[in-house]
Amino acid sequence: LFHVLRTRTPGPGEDVMARAEREMRARPADVPLRMQFGEQLERVGRITEARKLFDDALRLDPKYARAIAAVARLQDREGRPEEARRTYRRAIEADPKAWYAVIELAKLLNKDGRSNEARVLLEQGLAASPGQPDLSEALGKK
């Protein structure tokens, strides 16, 4: 599917959301599919539609860390950093190996001047996902 999303452009009058709805009707329990379309919509600024797909993914799998982190990302984007921090923590609780949530939460903590807490979080993330290059880079370990 990801290959289809990257290589196939919508035909005349075909909207990304219409295609997403058609694909999701064919595969109603496919959480990663909802995330792929939601992230694609988020990248092009269609935040309301992206949020709907992230919420759908969470209804199907409430502990899906990628969806929880996506909601946190939108909360931060909407200027709600405190709520985003709580939501990123939920993503990490759901999956301690969710390195993307660890990095984003660390960025928020650093913005708040909580750099020691951010470093500890990154170290814990790296312990949960040894060798993860983005975590290593965030800690300055290359």
N, C-alpha and C. Protein backbone atom coordinates (compact mmCIF):
# COMPACT_ATOMS: atom_id res chain seq x y z
N LEU A 1 0.83 -1.20 0.00
CA LEU A 1 0.00 0.00 0.00
C LEU A 1 0.86 1.25 0.00
N PHE A 2 1.92 1.27 0.83
CA PHE A 2 2.75 2.46 0.89
C PHE A 2 3.30 2.77 -0.49
N HIS A 3 3.70 1.73 -1.22
CA HIS A 3 4.19 1.91 -2.59
C HIS A 3 3.12 2.56 -3.46
N VAL A 4 1.89 2.13 -3.31
CA VAL A 4 0.78 2.70 -4.08
C VAL A 4 0.62 4.17 -3.73
N LEU A 5 0.70 4.51 -2.46
CA LEU A 5 0.54 5.90 -2.04
C LEU A 5 1.63 6.79 -2.62
N ARG A 6 2.84 6.27 -2.69
CA ARG A 6 3.97 7.07 -3.15
C ARG A 6 4.04 7.18 -4.66
N THR A 7 3.56 6.17 -5.38
CA THR A 7 3.76 6.17 -6.82
C THR A 7 2.51 6.51 -7.61
N ARG A 8 1.36 6.34 -7.03
CA ARG A 8 0.13 6.61 -7.77
C ARG A 8 -0.42 7.96 -7.37
N THR A 9 -0.64 8.80 -8.32
CA THR A 9 -1.25 10.10 -8.04
C THR A 9 -2.74 9.97 -8.25
N PRO A 10 -3.52 10.72 -7.50
CA PRO A 10 -4.97 10.64 -7.68
C PRO A 10 -5.36 11.01 -9.11
N GLY A 11 -6.35 10.31 -9.62
CA GLY A 11 -6.86 10.62 -10.95
C GLY A 11 -7.68 11.89 -10.90
N PRO A 12 -8.13 12.34 -12.07
CA PRO A 12 -8.94 13.56 -12.11
C PRO A 12 -10.13 13.46 -11.17
N GLY A 13 -10.23 14.41 -10.28
CA GLY A 13 -11.34 14.45 -9.35
C GLY A 13 -11.22 13.49 -8.17
N GLU A 14 -10.17 12.68 -8.16
CA GLU A 14 -10.02 11.73 -7.06
C GLU A 14 -9.27 12.40 -5.91
N ASP A 15 -9.89 12.43 -4.79
CA ASP A 15 -9.35 13.06 -3.60
C ASP A 15 -8.64 12.01 -2.75
N VAL A 16 -7.58 12.41 -2.08
CA VAL A 16 -6.85 11.48 -1.21
C VAL A 16 -7.79 10.88 -0.17
N MET A 17 -8.64 11.71 0.40
CA MET A 17 -9.56 11.21 1.44
C MET A 17 -10.55 10.22 0.85
N ALA A 18 -11.03 10.46 -0.35
CA ALA A 18 -11.97 9.53 -0.99
C ALA A 18 -11.28 8.19 -1.22
N ARG A 19 -10.04 8.24 -1.67
CA ARG A 19 -9.28 7.00 -1.88
C ARG A 19 -9.06 6.29 -0.55
N ALA A 20 -8.73 7.07 0.49
CA ALA A 20 -8.51 6.49 1.81
C ALA A 20 -9.78 5.79 2.30
N GLU A 21 -10.91 6.47 2.15
CA GLU A 21 -12.17 5.87 2.60
C GLU A 21 -12.47 4.58 1.84
N ARG A 22 -12.20 4.56 0.56
CA ARG A 22 -12.43 3.36 -0.24
C ARG A 22 -11.52 2.22 0.24
N GLU A 23 -10.25 2.52 0.45
CA GLU A 23 -9.30 1.50 0.93
C GLU A 23 -9.69 0.99 2.31
N MET A 24 -10.13 1.91 3.18
CA MET A 24 -10.46 1.51 4.54
C MET A 24 -11.76 0.71 4.61
N ARG A 25 -12.68 0.98 3.69
CA ARG A 25 -13.88 0.14 3.63
C ARG A 25 -13.51 -1.28 3.26
N ALA A 26 -12.52 -1.42 2.40
CA ALA A 26 -12.07 -2.74 1.98
C ALA A 26 -11.32 -3.45 3.11
N ARG A 27 -10.69 -2.67 4.00
CA ARG A 27 -9.90 -3.24 5.11
C ARG A 27 -10.23 -2.50 6.40
N PRO A 28 -11.43 -2.73 6.96
CA PRO A 28 -11.92 -1.92 8.08
C PRO A 28 -11.12 -2.02 9.37
N ALA A 29 -10.36 -3.07 9.59
CA ALA A 29 -9.62 -3.21 10.85
C ALA A 29 -8.13 -2.93 10.69
N ASP A 30 -7.73 -2.34 9.58
CA ASP A 30 -6.32 -2.11 9.28
C ASP A 30 -5.85 -0.78 9.90
N VAL A 31 -5.28 -0.88 11.09
CA VAL A 31 -4.81 0.31 11.80
C VAL A 31 -3.64 0.98 11.08
N PRO A 32 -2.61 0.23 10.65
CA PRO A 32 -1.51 0.89 9.93
C PRO A 32 -1.97 1.63 8.67
N LEU A 33 -2.98 1.12 8.00
CA LEU A 33 -3.52 1.80 6.83
C LEU A 33 -4.06 3.17 7.21
N ARG A 34 -4.82 3.23 8.30
CA ARG A 34 -5.36 4.51 8.76
C ARG A 34 -4.23 5.48 9.11
N MET A 35 -3.20 4.95 9.73
CA MET A 35 -2.06 5.80 10.09
C MET A 35 -1.36 6.32 8.85
N GLN A 36 -1.17 5.48 7.85
CA GLN A 36 -0.49 5.94 6.63
C GLN A 36 -1.27 7.07 5.96
N PHE A 37 -2.55 6.89 5.82
CA PHE A 37 -3.36 7.95 5.21
C PHE A 37 -3.40 9.18 6.11
N GLY A 38 -3.54 8.99 7.40
CA GLY A 38 -3.56 10.13 8.32
C GLY A 38 -2.28 10.93 8.27
N GLU A 39 -1.16 10.25 8.25
CA GLU A 39 0.13 10.94 8.19
C GLU A 39 0.30 11.65 6.85
N GLN A 40 -0.19 11.04 5.79
CA GLN A 40 -0.13 11.69 4.49
C GLN A 40 -0.96 12.98 4.49
N LEU A 41 -2.15 12.90 5.06
CA LEU A 41 -3.01 14.09 5.15
C LEU A 41 -2.38 15.16 6.04
N GLU A 42 -1.77 14.74 7.14
CA GLU A 42 -1.10 15.70 8.03
C GLU A 42 0.01 16.43 7.28
N ARG A 43 0.80 15.70 6.50
CA ARG A 43 1.90 16.31 5.75
C ARG A 43 1.43 17.40 4.80
N VAL A 44 0.23 17.26 4.26
CA VAL A 44 -0.27 18.27 3.32
C VAL A 44 -1.19 19.28 4.01
N GLY A 45 -1.21 19.25 5.34
CA GLY A 45 -1.94 20.27 6.09
C GLY A 45 -3.42 20.02 6.29
N ARG A 46 -3.88 18.82 6.01
CA ARG A 46 -5.31 18.50 6.20
C ARG A 46 -5.47 17.87 7.58
N ILE A 47 -5.31 18.72 8.58
CA ILE A 47 -5.20 18.29 9.97
C ILE A 47 -6.49 17.68 10.51
N THR A 48 -7.62 18.27 10.21
CA THR A 48 -8.89 17.75 10.72
C THR A 48 -9.12 16.33 10.22
N GLU A 49 -8.85 16.10 8.95
CA GLU A 49 -9.04 14.76 8.39
C GLU A 49 -8.01 13.78 8.96
N ALA A 50 -6.78 14.26 9.14
CA ALA A 50 -5.75 13.42 9.72
C ALA A 50 -6.15 13.00 11.14
N ARG A 51 -6.62 13.96 11.91
CA ARG A 51 -7.01 13.68 13.30
C ARG A 51 -8.12 12.63 13.35
N LYS A 52 -9.06 12.71 12.40
CA LYS A 52 -10.14 11.71 12.35
C LYS A 52 -9.56 10.31 12.14
N LEU A 53 -8.58 10.19 11.26
CA LEU A 53 -7.99 8.88 11.00
C LEU A 53 -7.17 8.39 12.20
N PHE A 54 -6.47 9.30 12.87
CA PHE A 54 -5.73 8.91 14.07
C PHE A 54 -6.70 8.44 15.16
N ASP A 55 -7.81 9.16 15.32
CA ASP A 55 -8.82 8.76 16.30
C ASP A 55 -9.43 7.41 15.93
N ASP A 56 -9.68 7.19 14.64
CA ASP A 56 -10.19 5.88 14.18
C ASP A 56 -9.21 4.78 14.54
N ALA A 57 -7.92 5.02 14.31
CA ALA A 57 -6.89 4.03 14.62
C ALA A 57 -6.91 3.71 16.12
N LEU A 58 -7.07 4.75 16.94
CA LEU A 58 -7.11 4.53 18.39
C LEU A 58 -8.37 3.81 18.85
N ARG A 59 -9.48 4.03 18.15
CA ARG A 59 -10.69 3.27 18.49
C ARG A 59 -10.48 1.78 18.21
N LEU A 60 -9.76 1.49 17.14
CA LEU A 60 -9.48 0.10 16.79
C LEU A 60 -8.43 -0.52 17.70
N ASP A 61 -7.44 0.28 18.11
CA ASP A 61 -6.36 -0.21 18.96
C ASP A 61 -5.92 0.92 19.89
N PRO A 62 -6.57 1.01 21.07
CA PRO A 62 -6.30 2.13 21.99
C PRO A 62 -4.86 2.23 22.49
N LYS A 63 -4.08 1.18 22.33
CA LYS A 63 -2.69 1.21 22.81
C LYS A 63 -1.69 1.30 21.66
N TYR A 64 -2.14 1.69 20.49
CA TYR A 64 -1.27 1.80 19.33
C TYR A 64 -0.43 3.06 19.47
N ALA A 65 0.83 2.89 19.86
CA ALA A 65 1.70 4.01 20.21
C ALA A 65 1.85 5.02 19.08
N ARG A 66 1.94 4.54 17.86
CA ARG A 66 2.11 5.46 16.72
C ARG A 66 0.92 6.42 16.61
N ALA A 67 -0.28 5.92 16.86
CA ALA A 67 -1.48 6.77 16.80
C ALA A 67 -1.53 7.73 17.99
N ILE A 68 -1.15 7.24 19.16
CA ILE A 68 -1.13 8.10 20.34
C ILE A 68 -0.14 9.25 20.13
N ALA A 69 1.04 8.91 19.59
CA ALA A 69 2.05 9.94 19.33
C ALA A 69 1.58 10.92 18.26
N ALA A 70 0.84 10.44 17.28
CA ALA A 70 0.32 11.34 16.24
C ALA A 70 -0.65 12.35 16.84
N VAL A 71 -1.48 11.91 17.76
CA VAL A 71 -2.40 12.83 18.44
C VAL A 71 -1.59 13.85 19.25
N ALA A 72 -0.55 13.39 19.93
CA ALA A 72 0.30 14.30 20.70
C ALA A 72 0.95 15.34 19.79
N ARG A 73 1.39 14.91 18.63
CA ARG A 73 2.01 15.82 17.66
C ARG A 73 1.02 16.93 17.27
N LEU A 74 -0.24 16.54 17.05
CA LEU A 74 -1.26 17.54 16.70
C LEU A 74 -1.55 18.47 17.87
N GLN A 75 -1.56 17.92 19.08
CA GLN A 75 -1.79 18.75 20.26
C GLN A 75 -0.69 19.81 20.38
N ASP A 76 0.54 19.39 20.16
CA ASP A 76 1.65 20.34 20.22
C ASP A 76 1.51 21.38 19.12
N ARG A 77 1.15 20.94 17.95
CA ARG A 77 0.97 21.84 16.80
C ARG A 77 -0.13 22.88 17.09
N GLU A 78 -1.13 22.46 17.86
CA GLU A 78 -2.25 23.34 18.21
C GLU A 78 -1.93 24.25 19.40
N GLY A 79 -0.69 24.19 19.89
CA GLY A 79 -0.29 25.05 20.99
C GLY A 79 -0.71 24.53 22.35
N ARG A 80 -0.83 23.23 22.48
CA ARG A 80 -1.20 22.61 23.76
C ARG A 80 -0.08 21.69 24.23
N PRO A 81 1.10 22.26 24.56
CA PRO A 81 2.26 21.43 24.89
C PRO A 81 2.09 20.57 26.14
N GLU A 82 1.38 21.08 27.13
CA GLU A 82 1.21 20.28 28.36
C GLU A 82 0.41 19.02 28.06
N GLU A 83 -0.65 19.16 27.28
CA GLU A 83 -1.45 18.01 26.89
C GLU A 83 -0.63 17.08 26.00
N ALA A 84 0.16 17.66 25.11
CA ALA A 84 1.02 16.85 24.23
C ALA A 84 2.01 16.03 25.05
N ARG A 85 2.60 16.64 26.08
CA ARG A 85 3.54 15.90 26.93
C ARG A 85 2.87 14.69 27.57
N ARG A 86 1.67 14.91 28.11
CA ARG A 86 0.95 13.79 28.73
C ARG A 86 0.65 12.69 27.70
N THR A 87 0.28 13.10 26.50
CA THR A 87 -0.08 12.13 25.47
C THR A 87 1.15 11.38 24.98
N TYR A 88 2.28 12.08 24.82
CA TYR A 88 3.52 11.37 24.45
C TYR A 88 3.89 10.35 25.52
N ARG A 89 3.69 10.71 26.79
CA ARG A 89 3.98 9.74 27.86
C ARG A 89 3.09 8.50 27.74
N ARG A 90 1.83 8.72 27.35
CA ARG A 90 0.92 7.58 27.13
C ARG A 90 1.44 6.69 26.01
N ALA A 91 1.96 7.29 24.95
CA ALA A 91 2.51 6.52 23.83
C ALA A 91 3.69 5.68 24.30
N ILE A 92 4.54 6.27 25.12
CA ILE A 92 5.72 5.56 25.62
C ILE A 92 5.31 4.45 26.58
N GLU A 93 4.29 4.69 27.38
CA GLU A 93 3.78 3.64 28.27
C GLU A 93 3.21 2.48 27.45
N ALA A 94 2.54 2.81 26.34
CA ALA A 94 1.96 1.77 25.49
C ALA A 94 3.06 0.96 24.80
N ASP A 95 4.17 1.62 24.45
CA ASP A 95 5.27 0.94 23.79
C ASP A 95 6.57 1.64 24.16
N PRO A 96 7.31 1.10 25.13
CA PRO A 96 8.56 1.72 25.56
C PRO A 96 9.59 1.86 24.43
N LYS A 97 9.39 1.12 23.34
CA LYS A 97 10.30 1.22 22.19
C LYS A 97 9.84 2.28 21.18
N ALA A 98 8.85 3.06 21.53
CA ALA A 98 8.34 4.10 20.64
C ALA A 98 9.30 5.29 20.65
N TRP A 99 10.45 5.10 20.02
CA TRP A 99 11.53 6.09 20.03
C TRP A 99 11.10 7.45 19.50
N TYR A 100 10.20 7.46 18.54
CA TYR A 100 9.72 8.73 17.96
C TYR A 100 8.99 9.56 19.01
N ALA A 101 8.24 8.90 19.89
CA ALA A 101 7.54 9.60 20.97
C ALA A 101 8.54 10.09 22.02
N VAL A 102 9.56 9.29 22.29
CA VAL A 102 10.60 9.68 23.25
C VAL A 102 11.30 10.95 22.77
N ILE A 103 11.66 10.98 21.50
CA ILE A 103 12.37 12.15 20.95
C ILE A 103 11.49 13.40 21.00
N GLU A 104 10.24 13.26 20.61
CA GLU A 104 9.35 14.44 20.60
C GLU A 104 9.07 14.94 22.01
N LEU A 105 8.89 14.01 22.95
CA LEU A 105 8.68 14.43 24.35
C LEU A 105 9.95 15.11 24.87
N ALA A 106 11.10 14.58 24.55
CA ALA A 106 12.36 15.21 24.98
C ALA A 106 12.48 16.63 24.43
N LYS A 107 12.06 16.83 23.18
CA LYS A 107 12.10 18.18 22.61
C LYS A 107 11.21 19.13 23.40
N LEU A 108 10.02 18.66 23.77
CA LEU A 108 9.11 19.51 24.56
C LEU A 108 9.70 19.81 25.94
N LEU A 109 10.30 18.80 26.55
CA LEU A 109 10.91 19.02 27.87
C LEU A 109 12.06 20.02 27.77
N ASN A 110 12.87 19.90 26.72
CA ASN A 110 13.96 20.86 26.52
C ASN A 110 13.44 22.27 26.35
N LYS A 111 12.34 22.43 25.60
CA LYS A 111 11.74 23.76 25.41
C LYS A 111 11.33 24.37 26.75
N ASP A 112 10.92 23.50 27.68
CA ASP A 112 10.49 23.96 29.00
C ASP A 112 11.66 24.12 29.97
N GLY A 113 12.89 23.95 29.47
CA GLY A 113 14.06 24.08 30.33
C GLY A 113 14.29 22.87 31.21
N ARG A 114 13.69 21.76 30.86
CA ARG A 114 13.81 20.54 31.67
C ARG A 114 14.78 19.58 30.97
N SER A 115 15.98 20.08 30.69
CA SER A 115 16.95 19.32 29.90
C SER A 115 17.44 18.05 30.60
N ASN A 116 17.58 18.10 31.92
CA ASN A 116 18.00 16.88 32.64
C ASN A 116 16.96 15.78 32.50
N GLU A 117 15.70 16.15 32.64
CA GLU A 117 14.61 15.19 32.49
C GLU A 117 14.58 14.65 31.05
N ALA A 118 14.82 15.53 30.09
CA ALA A 118 14.84 15.12 28.68
C ALA A 118 15.97 14.11 28.44
N ARG A 119 17.13 14.38 29.00
CA ARG A 119 18.29 13.48 28.80
C ARG A 119 18.01 12.11 29.41
N VAL A 120 17.46 12.08 30.61
CA VAL A 120 17.12 10.81 31.27
C VAL A 120 16.12 10.04 30.40
N LEU A 121 15.13 10.74 29.88
CA LEU A 121 14.13 10.12 29.02
C LEU A 121 14.79 9.51 27.78
N LEU A 122 15.68 10.27 27.14
CA LEU A 122 16.38 9.77 25.96
C LEU A 122 17.24 8.55 26.29
N GLU A 123 17.89 8.59 27.44
CA GLU A 123 18.71 7.44 27.86
C GLU A 123 17.84 6.21 28.09
N GLN A 124 16.68 6.40 28.70
CA GLN A 124 15.75 5.29 28.90
C GLN A 124 15.25 4.77 27.55
N GLY A 125 14.96 5.69 26.64
CA GLY A 125 14.53 5.28 25.31
C GLY A 125 15.58 4.46 24.60
N LEU A 126 16.84 4.88 24.72
CA LEU A 126 17.93 4.16 24.08
C LEU A 126 18.13 2.79 24.74
N ALA A 127 17.91 2.71 26.05
CA ALA A 127 18.00 1.41 26.72
C ALA A 127 16.90 0.46 26.23
N ALA A 128 15.71 1.02 25.93
CA ALA A 128 14.61 0.20 25.43
C ALA A 128 14.80 -0.17 23.96
N SER A 129 15.50 0.70 23.21
CA SER A 129 15.73 0.47 21.77
C SER A 129 17.22 0.67 21.48
N PRO A 130 18.05 -0.28 21.95
CA PRO A 130 19.50 -0.12 21.78
C PRO A 130 19.88 0.05 20.31
N GLY A 131 20.77 1.01 20.09
CA GLY A 131 21.27 1.23 18.74
C GLY A 131 20.35 2.03 17.84
N GLN A 132 19.20 2.47 18.34
CA GLN A 132 18.28 3.25 17.50
C GLN A 132 19.01 4.56 17.14
N PRO A 133 19.28 4.79 15.85
CA PRO A 133 20.13 5.91 15.46
C PRO A 133 19.60 7.29 15.80
N ASP A 134 18.30 7.50 15.72
CA ASP A 134 17.75 8.83 16.03
C ASP A 134 17.88 9.14 17.52
N LEU A 135 17.70 8.14 18.36
CA LEU A 135 17.90 8.35 19.80
C LEU A 135 19.37 8.62 20.10
N SER A 136 20.25 7.85 19.46
CA SER A 136 21.68 8.07 19.66
C SER A 136 22.07 9.48 19.25
N GLU A 137 21.55 9.93 18.12
CA GLU A 137 21.85 11.28 17.65
C GLU A 137 21.30 12.34 18.62
N ALA A 138 20.08 12.12 19.13
CA ALA A 138 19.49 13.06 20.07
C ALA A 138 20.32 13.18 21.34
N LEU A 139 21.00 12.09 21.70
CA LEU A 139 21.86 12.10 22.89
C LEU A 139 23.28 12.55 22.57
N GLY A 140 23.55 12.79 21.28
CA GLY A 140 24.90 13.20 20.89
C GLY A 140 25.85 12.04 20.79
N LYS A 141 25.30 10.81 20.70
CA LYS A 141 26.14 9.60 20.56
C LYS A 141 25.99 9.10 19.15
N LYS A 142 27.01 9.25 18.36
CA LYS A 142 26.92 8.82 16.96
C LYS A 142 27.77 7.61 16.70
